[in-house]
């Protein structure tokens, strides 16, 4: 565990303030859920909670199936990271942090289809290579909240609506959102 040198007191209601510098570094915002753990030495560990991360094995299997059918790279994300990646180029995305532009895109709560160079095109991760020419982003909504997204990345210009890729992304996002509601 990394020491920060910051000491905070617990108030009379049992609350403790997480310093702004740490919240900024870890991208913790007001209202974000945190998991609380204890370790064997009596330490308390706070971890940002990801409902999509809880279903990683299912997300990986679903991404692999979707990548085979859609013949593209498929990523399933939460607000912070790529939880599952499948298809050609999956190593570039698995476990990586998503870009701030992608996080902003999620907050719009709308499906987005764009080709490279179009206004709506965003890089999924900061270090993403420029090979992908087209993307479909479909938010995963559970109980009214956006908890992540299903992202399809294509390397060649394709006719999105004719091959049904948009509908596949929508169906995948709807399915994963329903899984979180049980």
N, C-alpha and C. Protein backbone atom coordinates (compact mmCIF):
# COMPACT_ATOMS: atom_id res chain seq x y z
N UNK A 1 0.84 -1.17 0.00
CA UNK A 1 0.00 0.00 0.00
C UNK A 1 0.89 1.24 0.00
N UNK A 2 0.53 2.23 -0.78
CA UNK A 2 1.32 3.45 -0.91
C UNK A 2 0.91 4.46 0.16
N UNK A 3 1.86 4.95 0.93
CA UNK A 3 1.58 5.96 1.95
C UNK A 3 1.48 7.33 1.29
N UNK A 4 0.51 8.12 1.73
CA UNK A 4 0.30 9.46 1.15
C UNK A 4 0.78 10.57 2.05
N UNK A 5 0.98 10.29 3.35
CA UNK A 5 1.40 11.32 4.28
C UNK A 5 0.27 12.24 4.71
N UNK A 6 -0.96 11.91 4.36
CA UNK A 6 -2.12 12.72 4.74
C UNK A 6 -2.84 12.02 5.88
N UNK A 7 -3.15 12.77 6.94
CA UNK A 7 -3.88 12.22 8.07
C UNK A 7 -5.21 12.94 8.16
N UNK A 8 -6.29 12.19 8.32
CA UNK A 8 -7.63 12.76 8.47
C UNK A 8 -8.28 12.16 9.72
N UNK A 9 -9.07 12.93 10.40
CA UNK A 9 -9.80 12.45 11.58
C UNK A 9 -11.22 12.05 11.17
N UNK A 10 -11.76 11.08 11.89
CA UNK A 10 -13.14 10.66 11.68
C UNK A 10 -14.03 11.61 12.48
N UNK A 11 -15.10 12.09 11.84
CA UNK A 11 -15.99 13.02 12.55
C UNK A 11 -16.99 12.25 13.42
N UNK A 12 -17.87 12.98 14.12
CA UNK A 12 -18.80 12.34 15.06
C UNK A 12 -19.84 11.45 14.38
N UNK A 13 -19.98 11.55 13.07
CA UNK A 13 -20.89 10.67 12.33
C UNK A 13 -20.17 9.50 11.66
N UNK A 14 -18.87 9.35 11.95
CA UNK A 14 -18.10 8.24 11.40
C UNK A 14 -17.57 8.47 10.00
N UNK A 15 -17.57 9.72 9.54
CA UNK A 15 -17.12 10.04 8.19
C UNK A 15 -15.66 10.47 8.19
N UNK A 16 -15.03 10.24 7.06
CA UNK A 16 -13.67 10.71 6.84
C UNK A 16 -13.61 11.31 5.43
N UNK A 17 -12.87 12.38 5.28
CA UNK A 17 -12.75 13.05 3.99
C UNK A 17 -11.55 12.50 3.23
N UNK A 18 -11.79 12.10 1.98
CA UNK A 18 -10.69 11.66 1.12
C UNK A 18 -10.12 12.91 0.47
N UNK A 19 -8.81 13.17 0.64
CA UNK A 19 -8.22 14.40 0.10
C UNK A 19 -8.46 14.58 -1.41
N UNK A 20 -8.62 15.83 -1.80
CA UNK A 20 -8.92 16.18 -3.19
C UNK A 20 -7.89 15.62 -4.16
N UNK A 21 -6.62 15.66 -3.79
CA UNK A 21 -5.54 15.18 -4.67
C UNK A 21 -5.71 13.69 -4.95
N UNK A 22 -6.08 12.94 -3.92
CA UNK A 22 -6.28 11.49 -4.10
C UNK A 22 -7.52 11.24 -4.93
N UNK A 23 -8.61 11.98 -4.66
CA UNK A 23 -9.84 11.81 -5.46
C UNK A 23 -9.56 12.13 -6.92
N UNK A 24 -8.81 13.17 -7.20
CA UNK A 24 -8.51 13.55 -8.58
C UNK A 24 -7.66 12.48 -9.25
N UNK A 25 -6.63 12.00 -8.57
CA UNK A 25 -5.75 10.98 -9.13
C UNK A 25 -6.51 9.69 -9.45
N UNK A 26 -7.42 9.30 -8.55
CA UNK A 26 -8.16 8.05 -8.73
C UNK A 26 -9.49 8.23 -9.46
N UNK A 27 -9.75 9.45 -9.90
CA UNK A 27 -11.00 9.79 -10.61
C UNK A 27 -12.23 9.42 -9.79
N UNK A 28 -12.20 9.77 -8.52
CA UNK A 28 -13.34 9.55 -7.64
C UNK A 28 -14.15 10.84 -7.59
N UNK A 29 -15.43 10.74 -7.91
CA UNK A 29 -16.30 11.92 -7.95
C UNK A 29 -17.42 11.77 -6.93
N UNK A 30 -18.05 12.88 -6.61
CA UNK A 30 -19.16 12.86 -5.68
C UNK A 30 -20.23 11.88 -6.17
N UNK A 31 -20.68 11.02 -5.29
CA UNK A 31 -21.71 10.05 -5.64
C UNK A 31 -21.17 8.71 -6.12
N UNK A 32 -19.86 8.61 -6.38
CA UNK A 32 -19.28 7.33 -6.82
C UNK A 32 -19.37 6.30 -5.70
N UNK A 33 -19.77 5.06 -6.01
CA UNK A 33 -19.81 4.02 -4.97
C UNK A 33 -18.40 3.50 -4.67
N UNK A 34 -18.13 3.24 -3.39
CA UNK A 34 -16.85 2.70 -2.97
C UNK A 34 -17.09 1.41 -2.19
N UNK A 35 -16.24 0.41 -2.40
CA UNK A 35 -16.27 -0.81 -1.60
C UNK A 35 -15.31 -0.63 -0.44
N UNK A 36 -15.65 -1.17 0.71
CA UNK A 36 -14.81 -1.05 1.89
C UNK A 36 -14.38 -2.45 2.31
N UNK A 37 -13.06 -2.64 2.42
CA UNK A 37 -12.48 -3.91 2.82
C UNK A 37 -11.59 -3.69 4.03
N UNK A 38 -11.30 -4.76 4.75
CA UNK A 38 -10.27 -4.71 5.80
C UNK A 38 -9.22 -5.75 5.45
N UNK A 39 -7.97 -5.46 5.82
CA UNK A 39 -6.92 -6.45 5.59
C UNK A 39 -6.55 -7.11 6.91
N UNK A 40 -5.66 -8.05 6.88
CA UNK A 40 -5.31 -8.83 8.07
C UNK A 40 -4.58 -8.02 9.13
N UNK A 41 -3.95 -6.93 8.71
CA UNK A 41 -3.20 -6.09 9.65
C UNK A 41 -4.08 -5.01 10.26
N UNK A 42 -5.38 -5.03 10.00
CA UNK A 42 -6.28 -4.04 10.57
C UNK A 42 -6.44 -2.79 9.73
N UNK A 43 -5.94 -2.80 8.51
CA UNK A 43 -6.08 -1.65 7.62
C UNK A 43 -7.43 -1.63 6.94
N UNK A 44 -7.85 -0.46 6.53
CA UNK A 44 -9.11 -0.29 5.80
C UNK A 44 -8.76 0.07 4.36
N UNK A 45 -9.38 -0.61 3.42
CA UNK A 45 -9.12 -0.38 2.00
C UNK A 45 -10.40 0.10 1.34
N UNK A 46 -10.32 1.22 0.65
CA UNK A 46 -11.44 1.74 -0.13
C UNK A 46 -11.13 1.48 -1.59
N UNK A 47 -12.10 0.92 -2.30
CA UNK A 47 -11.91 0.62 -3.73
C UNK A 47 -13.14 1.10 -4.48
N UNK A 48 -12.90 1.75 -5.61
CA UNK A 48 -14.02 2.20 -6.42
C UNK A 48 -14.80 0.98 -6.89
N UNK A 49 -16.11 1.00 -6.70
CA UNK A 49 -16.96 -0.13 -7.04
C UNK A 49 -17.39 -0.06 -8.50
N UNK A 50 -17.31 -1.19 -9.19
CA UNK A 50 -17.73 -1.28 -10.58
C UNK A 50 -18.71 -2.44 -10.73
N UNK A 51 -20.01 -2.14 -10.94
CA UNK A 51 -20.96 -3.23 -11.13
C UNK A 51 -20.64 -4.06 -12.37
N UNK A 52 -20.13 -3.44 -13.42
CA UNK A 52 -19.76 -4.18 -14.62
C UNK A 52 -18.56 -5.07 -14.32
N UNK A 53 -17.63 -4.57 -13.52
CA UNK A 53 -16.45 -5.36 -13.14
C UNK A 53 -16.82 -6.61 -12.37
N UNK A 54 -17.94 -6.58 -11.66
CA UNK A 54 -18.40 -7.74 -10.90
C UNK A 54 -18.79 -8.90 -11.82
N UNK A 55 -19.15 -8.58 -13.05
CA UNK A 55 -19.57 -9.65 -13.97
C UNK A 55 -18.55 -9.85 -15.10
N UNK A 56 -17.27 -9.69 -14.77
CA UNK A 56 -16.20 -9.82 -15.77
C UNK A 56 -16.23 -11.14 -16.53
N UNK A 57 -16.38 -12.31 -15.86
CA UNK A 57 -16.38 -13.57 -16.64
C UNK A 57 -17.50 -13.60 -17.70
N UNK A 58 -18.68 -13.14 -17.34
CA UNK A 58 -19.79 -13.09 -18.30
C UNK A 58 -19.48 -12.09 -19.41
N UNK A 59 -18.94 -10.93 -19.04
CA UNK A 59 -18.62 -9.90 -20.02
C UNK A 59 -17.59 -10.40 -21.03
N UNK A 60 -16.61 -11.14 -20.57
CA UNK A 60 -15.58 -11.69 -21.48
C UNK A 60 -16.20 -12.66 -22.47
N UNK A 61 -17.03 -13.58 -21.98
CA UNK A 61 -17.69 -14.54 -22.86
C UNK A 61 -18.60 -13.83 -23.86
N UNK A 62 -19.32 -12.85 -23.38
CA UNK A 62 -20.24 -12.12 -24.25
C UNK A 62 -19.47 -11.35 -25.32
N UNK A 63 -18.38 -10.71 -24.93
CA UNK A 63 -17.56 -9.96 -25.89
C UNK A 63 -16.98 -10.89 -26.95
N UNK A 64 -16.54 -12.07 -26.55
CA UNK A 64 -15.98 -13.03 -27.51
C UNK A 64 -17.04 -13.49 -28.51
N UNK A 65 -18.22 -13.79 -28.03
CA UNK A 65 -19.31 -14.20 -28.93
C UNK A 65 -19.69 -13.07 -29.88
N UNK A 66 -19.79 -11.88 -29.36
CA UNK A 66 -20.16 -10.72 -30.17
C UNK A 66 -19.09 -10.43 -31.23
N UNK A 67 -17.82 -10.57 -30.86
CA UNK A 67 -16.72 -10.32 -31.80
C UNK A 67 -16.75 -11.32 -32.95
N UNK A 68 -17.10 -12.57 -32.67
CA UNK A 68 -17.19 -13.58 -33.72
C UNK A 68 -18.32 -13.27 -34.69
N UNK A 69 -19.46 -12.88 -34.16
CA UNK A 69 -20.62 -12.61 -35.00
C UNK A 69 -20.45 -11.32 -35.80
N UNK A 70 -19.99 -10.26 -35.13
CA UNK A 70 -19.87 -8.95 -35.79
C UNK A 70 -18.58 -8.80 -36.59
N UNK A 71 -17.63 -9.72 -36.39
CA UNK A 71 -16.34 -9.68 -37.09
C UNK A 71 -15.62 -8.34 -36.89
N UNK A 72 -15.52 -7.94 -35.60
CA UNK A 72 -14.84 -6.70 -35.25
C UNK A 72 -14.28 -6.84 -33.84
N UNK A 73 -13.62 -5.80 -33.36
CA UNK A 73 -13.13 -5.78 -31.99
C UNK A 73 -14.26 -5.29 -31.09
N UNK A 74 -14.48 -5.99 -29.99
CA UNK A 74 -15.56 -5.64 -29.06
C UNK A 74 -14.95 -5.38 -27.69
N UNK A 75 -15.35 -4.26 -27.08
CA UNK A 75 -14.92 -3.94 -25.72
C UNK A 75 -16.16 -3.67 -24.86
N UNK A 76 -16.11 -4.15 -23.63
CA UNK A 76 -17.15 -3.86 -22.66
C UNK A 76 -16.47 -3.09 -21.54
N UNK A 77 -17.03 -1.92 -21.21
CA UNK A 77 -16.37 -1.04 -20.25
C UNK A 77 -17.28 -0.72 -19.07
N UNK A 78 -16.65 -0.25 -18.00
CA UNK A 78 -17.39 0.46 -16.97
C UNK A 78 -17.01 1.94 -17.17
N UNK A 79 -17.16 2.77 -16.18
CA UNK A 79 -16.82 4.19 -16.35
C UNK A 79 -15.31 4.44 -16.39
N UNK A 80 -14.53 3.50 -15.90
CA UNK A 80 -13.10 3.73 -15.75
C UNK A 80 -12.21 2.89 -16.68
N UNK A 81 -12.57 1.62 -16.85
CA UNK A 81 -11.67 0.70 -17.55
C UNK A 81 -12.41 -0.18 -18.55
N UNK A 82 -11.61 -0.79 -19.42
CA UNK A 82 -12.14 -1.80 -20.33
C UNK A 82 -12.14 -3.10 -19.55
N UNK A 83 -13.32 -3.60 -19.24
CA UNK A 83 -13.49 -4.80 -18.41
C UNK A 83 -13.26 -6.06 -19.24
N UNK A 84 -13.69 -6.05 -20.51
CA UNK A 84 -13.54 -7.21 -21.39
C UNK A 84 -13.26 -6.72 -22.80
N UNK A 85 -12.40 -7.44 -23.50
CA UNK A 85 -12.10 -7.12 -24.90
C UNK A 85 -11.95 -8.42 -25.67
N UNK A 86 -12.41 -8.41 -26.91
CA UNK A 86 -12.33 -9.61 -27.75
C UNK A 86 -12.17 -9.19 -29.20
N UNK A 87 -11.68 -10.11 -30.00
CA UNK A 87 -11.49 -9.84 -31.42
C UNK A 87 -10.07 -9.39 -31.71
N UNK A 88 -9.84 -9.05 -32.96
CA UNK A 88 -8.52 -8.62 -33.41
C UNK A 88 -8.18 -7.28 -32.77
N UNK A 89 -7.13 -7.24 -31.97
CA UNK A 89 -6.73 -6.00 -31.30
C UNK A 89 -7.13 -5.94 -29.84
N UNK A 90 -7.62 -7.06 -29.29
CA UNK A 90 -8.10 -7.03 -27.91
C UNK A 90 -6.99 -6.72 -26.90
N UNK A 91 -5.75 -7.11 -27.20
CA UNK A 91 -4.64 -6.88 -26.27
C UNK A 91 -4.39 -5.38 -26.06
N UNK A 92 -4.74 -4.58 -27.05
CA UNK A 92 -4.55 -3.13 -26.95
C UNK A 92 -5.50 -2.52 -25.92
N UNK A 93 -6.62 -3.18 -25.61
CA UNK A 93 -7.65 -2.59 -24.78
C UNK A 93 -7.86 -3.24 -23.41
N UNK A 94 -7.67 -4.55 -23.30
CA UNK A 94 -8.00 -5.27 -22.06
C UNK A 94 -7.34 -4.64 -20.84
N UNK A 95 -8.17 -4.24 -19.88
CA UNK A 95 -7.68 -3.70 -18.62
C UNK A 95 -7.22 -2.25 -18.65
N UNK A 96 -7.28 -1.60 -19.80
CA UNK A 96 -6.80 -0.21 -19.91
C UNK A 96 -7.85 0.78 -19.42
N UNK A 97 -7.40 1.94 -18.98
CA UNK A 97 -8.31 3.02 -18.57
C UNK A 97 -8.92 3.65 -19.80
N UNK A 98 -10.19 4.02 -19.70
CA UNK A 98 -10.85 4.68 -20.83
C UNK A 98 -10.46 6.17 -20.83
N UNK A 99 -10.57 6.79 -21.98
CA UNK A 99 -10.21 8.21 -22.12
C UNK A 99 -11.28 9.10 -21.49
N UNK A 100 -10.90 10.32 -21.19
CA UNK A 100 -11.85 11.29 -20.64
C UNK A 100 -12.92 11.62 -21.68
N UNK A 101 -12.55 11.64 -22.96
CA UNK A 101 -13.54 11.90 -24.03
C UNK A 101 -14.59 10.80 -24.05
N UNK A 102 -14.17 9.55 -23.82
CA UNK A 102 -15.11 8.44 -23.77
C UNK A 102 -16.02 8.56 -22.56
N UNK A 103 -15.47 8.95 -21.41
CA UNK A 103 -16.29 9.15 -20.21
C UNK A 103 -17.35 10.21 -20.45
N UNK A 104 -16.98 11.28 -21.13
CA UNK A 104 -17.93 12.33 -21.47
C UNK A 104 -19.01 11.78 -22.39
N UNK A 105 -18.61 10.95 -23.33
CA UNK A 105 -19.56 10.32 -24.26
C UNK A 105 -20.58 9.48 -23.48
N UNK A 106 -20.13 8.76 -22.46
CA UNK A 106 -21.05 7.95 -21.65
C UNK A 106 -22.06 8.82 -20.92
N UNK A 107 -21.63 9.98 -20.47
CA UNK A 107 -22.55 10.84 -19.72
C UNK A 107 -23.68 11.38 -20.60
N UNK A 108 -23.50 11.34 -21.93
CA UNK A 108 -24.56 11.75 -22.85
C UNK A 108 -25.71 10.75 -22.90
N UNK A 109 -25.44 9.49 -22.47
CA UNK A 109 -26.46 8.43 -22.38
C UNK A 109 -27.06 8.03 -23.73
N UNK A 110 -26.39 8.33 -24.84
CA UNK A 110 -26.93 8.01 -26.16
C UNK A 110 -26.01 7.07 -26.90
N UNK A 111 -26.62 6.25 -27.76
CA UNK A 111 -25.81 5.42 -28.64
C UNK A 111 -25.10 6.34 -29.62
N UNK A 112 -23.89 5.96 -29.97
CA UNK A 112 -23.11 6.80 -30.88
C UNK A 112 -22.45 5.91 -31.92
N UNK A 113 -22.62 6.28 -33.19
CA UNK A 113 -21.98 5.60 -34.31
C UNK A 113 -21.22 6.66 -35.09
N UNK A 114 -19.93 6.44 -35.29
CA UNK A 114 -19.15 7.45 -36.00
C UNK A 114 -17.96 6.81 -36.70
N UNK A 115 -17.55 7.44 -37.78
CA UNK A 115 -16.35 7.04 -38.49
C UNK A 115 -15.23 8.01 -38.10
N UNK A 116 -13.99 7.53 -38.24
CA UNK A 116 -12.84 8.38 -37.91
C UNK A 116 -12.95 9.68 -38.71
N UNK A 117 -12.73 10.78 -38.02
CA UNK A 117 -12.81 12.07 -38.67
C UNK A 117 -14.16 12.75 -38.49
N UNK A 118 -15.19 11.98 -38.13
CA UNK A 118 -16.50 12.57 -37.87
C UNK A 118 -16.51 13.18 -36.47
N UNK A 119 -17.43 14.09 -36.27
CA UNK A 119 -17.53 14.81 -35.00
C UNK A 119 -17.70 13.89 -33.80
N UNK A 120 -18.49 12.85 -33.89
CA UNK A 120 -18.79 11.98 -32.76
C UNK A 120 -17.76 10.92 -32.44
N UNK A 121 -16.69 10.81 -33.24
CA UNK A 121 -15.70 9.76 -33.03
C UNK A 121 -14.81 10.11 -31.84
N UNK A 122 -14.68 9.19 -30.88
CA UNK A 122 -13.80 9.39 -29.73
C UNK A 122 -12.89 8.19 -29.58
N UNK A 123 -11.71 8.41 -29.03
CA UNK A 123 -10.80 7.31 -28.75
C UNK A 123 -11.25 6.64 -27.46
N UNK A 124 -11.32 5.32 -27.47
CA UNK A 124 -11.75 4.58 -26.30
C UNK A 124 -10.74 4.72 -25.17
N UNK A 125 -9.46 4.56 -25.48
CA UNK A 125 -8.39 4.72 -24.48
C UNK A 125 -7.43 5.78 -24.96
N UNK A 126 -6.68 6.37 -24.04
CA UNK A 126 -5.75 7.45 -24.39
C UNK A 126 -4.68 6.98 -25.37
N UNK A 127 -4.16 5.79 -25.20
CA UNK A 127 -3.08 5.31 -26.06
C UNK A 127 -3.54 4.49 -27.25
N UNK A 128 -4.79 4.62 -27.63
CA UNK A 128 -5.36 3.80 -28.70
C UNK A 128 -4.69 4.09 -30.04
N UNK A 129 -4.37 3.03 -30.78
CA UNK A 129 -3.78 3.21 -32.11
C UNK A 129 -4.84 3.73 -33.08
N UNK A 130 -4.39 4.21 -34.18
CA UNK A 130 -5.29 4.85 -35.15
C UNK A 130 -5.82 3.89 -36.20
N UNK A 131 -5.79 2.59 -35.93
CA UNK A 131 -6.19 1.62 -36.95
C UNK A 131 -7.70 1.55 -37.17
N UNK A 132 -8.48 1.84 -36.16
CA UNK A 132 -9.92 1.67 -36.27
C UNK A 132 -10.55 2.86 -36.99
N UNK A 133 -11.38 2.53 -37.96
CA UNK A 133 -11.98 3.58 -38.79
C UNK A 133 -13.41 3.90 -38.40
N UNK A 134 -14.03 3.03 -37.62
CA UNK A 134 -15.43 3.23 -37.28
C UNK A 134 -15.71 2.63 -35.91
N UNK A 135 -16.66 3.25 -35.17
CA UNK A 135 -17.00 2.75 -33.84
C UNK A 135 -18.49 2.87 -33.58
N UNK A 136 -18.97 1.96 -32.75
CA UNK A 136 -20.35 2.01 -32.26
C UNK A 136 -20.25 1.92 -30.75
N UNK A 137 -20.84 2.89 -30.06
CA UNK A 137 -20.82 2.91 -28.60
C UNK A 137 -22.27 2.86 -28.13
N UNK A 138 -22.58 1.83 -27.35
CA UNK A 138 -23.94 1.67 -26.83
C UNK A 138 -23.87 1.60 -25.30
N UNK A 139 -24.42 2.59 -24.60
CA UNK A 139 -24.35 2.61 -23.13
C UNK A 139 -25.09 1.44 -22.49
N UNK A 140 -24.54 0.93 -21.41
CA UNK A 140 -25.20 -0.09 -20.60
C UNK A 140 -25.93 0.65 -19.49
N UNK A 141 -27.24 0.50 -19.45
CA UNK A 141 -28.06 1.19 -18.45
C UNK A 141 -28.69 0.15 -17.53
N UNK A 142 -28.49 0.35 -16.22
CA UNK A 142 -29.10 -0.53 -15.22
C UNK A 142 -29.80 0.35 -14.19
N UNK A 143 -31.08 0.10 -13.99
CA UNK A 143 -31.88 0.85 -13.03
C UNK A 143 -31.78 2.36 -13.26
N UNK A 144 -31.75 2.75 -14.52
CA UNK A 144 -31.73 4.15 -14.89
C UNK A 144 -30.37 4.82 -14.91
N UNK A 145 -29.32 4.13 -14.48
CA UNK A 145 -27.97 4.71 -14.46
C UNK A 145 -27.10 4.08 -15.54
N UNK A 146 -26.27 4.90 -16.20
CA UNK A 146 -25.30 4.38 -17.15
C UNK A 146 -24.14 3.82 -16.33
N UNK A 147 -23.85 2.53 -16.52
CA UNK A 147 -22.80 1.88 -15.74
C UNK A 147 -21.61 1.46 -16.60
N UNK A 148 -21.71 1.66 -17.91
CA UNK A 148 -20.63 1.27 -18.82
C UNK A 148 -21.12 1.32 -20.25
N UNK A 149 -20.42 0.60 -21.13
CA UNK A 149 -20.81 0.59 -22.54
C UNK A 149 -20.30 -0.65 -23.25
N UNK A 150 -20.98 -0.96 -24.34
CA UNK A 150 -20.51 -1.96 -25.29
C UNK A 150 -19.99 -1.17 -26.47
N UNK A 151 -18.74 -1.46 -26.87
CA UNK A 151 -18.10 -0.71 -27.95
C UNK A 151 -17.67 -1.68 -29.04
N UNK A 152 -18.10 -1.41 -30.27
CA UNK A 152 -17.67 -2.19 -31.42
C UNK A 152 -16.73 -1.31 -32.24
N UNK A 153 -15.56 -1.82 -32.55
CA UNK A 153 -14.56 -1.09 -33.32
C UNK A 153 -14.26 -1.83 -34.61
N UNK A 154 -14.40 -1.12 -35.74
CA UNK A 154 -14.18 -1.73 -37.04
C UNK A 154 -12.91 -1.13 -37.68
N UNK A 155 -12.19 -1.98 -38.40
CA UNK A 155 -10.97 -1.52 -39.07
C UNK A 155 -11.22 -1.09 -40.50
N UNK A 156 -12.31 -1.51 -41.07
CA UNK A 156 -12.61 -1.15 -42.45
C UNK A 156 -13.96 -0.49 -42.50
N UNK A 157 -14.15 0.38 -43.49
CA UNK A 157 -15.46 1.02 -43.65
C UNK A 157 -16.50 -0.07 -43.91
N UNK A 158 -17.53 -0.08 -43.11
CA UNK A 158 -18.61 -1.05 -43.28
C UNK A 158 -19.92 -0.31 -43.28
N UNK A 159 -20.94 -0.98 -43.73
CA UNK A 159 -22.27 -0.39 -43.70
C UNK A 159 -22.91 -0.82 -42.39
N UNK A 160 -22.80 0.05 -41.40
CA UNK A 160 -23.22 -0.28 -40.03
C UNK A 160 -24.66 -0.79 -39.97
N UNK A 161 -25.57 -0.08 -40.61
CA UNK A 161 -26.98 -0.44 -40.47
C UNK A 161 -27.32 -1.69 -41.25
N UNK A 162 -26.64 -1.92 -42.37
CA UNK A 162 -26.97 -3.08 -43.19
C UNK A 162 -26.50 -4.39 -42.56
N UNK A 163 -25.33 -4.36 -41.88
CA UNK A 163 -24.86 -5.62 -41.31
C UNK A 163 -25.38 -5.85 -39.90
N UNK A 164 -26.16 -4.93 -39.36
CA UNK A 164 -26.79 -5.12 -38.06
C UNK A 164 -25.90 -4.89 -36.86
N UNK A 165 -24.72 -4.32 -37.06
CA UNK A 165 -23.79 -4.11 -35.95
C UNK A 165 -24.38 -3.20 -34.88
N UNK A 166 -25.10 -2.18 -35.29
CA UNK A 166 -25.72 -1.27 -34.31
C UNK A 166 -26.72 -2.02 -33.45
N UNK A 167 -27.52 -2.87 -34.07
CA UNK A 167 -28.52 -3.64 -33.32
C UNK A 167 -27.85 -4.64 -32.39
N UNK A 168 -26.74 -5.23 -32.82
CA UNK A 168 -26.00 -6.14 -31.94
C UNK A 168 -25.50 -5.41 -30.71
N UNK A 169 -24.94 -4.21 -30.89
CA UNK A 169 -24.43 -3.43 -29.76
C UNK A 169 -25.56 -3.04 -28.81
N UNK A 170 -26.70 -2.63 -29.36
CA UNK A 170 -27.85 -2.27 -28.53
C UNK A 170 -28.36 -3.47 -27.73
N UNK A 171 -28.45 -4.62 -28.40
CA UNK A 171 -28.93 -5.83 -27.73
C UNK A 171 -27.96 -6.26 -26.63
N UNK A 172 -26.67 -6.18 -26.90
CA UNK A 172 -25.67 -6.55 -25.91
C UNK A 172 -25.74 -5.64 -24.69
N UNK A 173 -25.85 -4.33 -24.93
CA UNK A 173 -25.94 -3.38 -23.82
C UNK A 173 -27.21 -3.60 -23.00
N UNK A 174 -28.32 -3.86 -23.68
CA UNK A 174 -29.58 -4.11 -22.97
C UNK A 174 -29.48 -5.38 -22.13
N UNK A 175 -28.91 -6.43 -22.70
CA UNK A 175 -28.75 -7.70 -21.97
C UNK A 175 -27.89 -7.51 -20.72
N UNK A 176 -26.73 -6.85 -20.88
CA UNK A 176 -25.82 -6.66 -19.74
C UNK A 176 -26.47 -5.77 -18.68
N UNK A 177 -27.22 -4.77 -19.10
CA UNK A 177 -27.93 -3.92 -18.15
C UNK A 177 -28.96 -4.71 -17.34
N UNK A 178 -29.66 -5.61 -18.01
CA UNK A 178 -30.66 -6.45 -17.31
C UNK A 178 -29.98 -7.39 -16.33
N UNK A 179 -28.79 -7.87 -16.67
CA UNK A 179 -28.06 -8.77 -15.76
C UNK A 179 -27.71 -8.07 -14.45
N UNK A 180 -27.48 -6.77 -14.52
CA UNK A 180 -27.11 -6.01 -13.32
C UNK A 180 -28.33 -5.75 -12.43
N UNK A 181 -29.53 -5.86 -12.96
CA UNK A 181 -30.73 -5.57 -12.19
C UNK A 181 -31.20 -6.75 -11.36
N UNK A 182 -30.61 -7.94 -11.55
CA UNK A 182 -31.04 -9.12 -10.80
C UNK A 182 -30.30 -9.23 -9.49
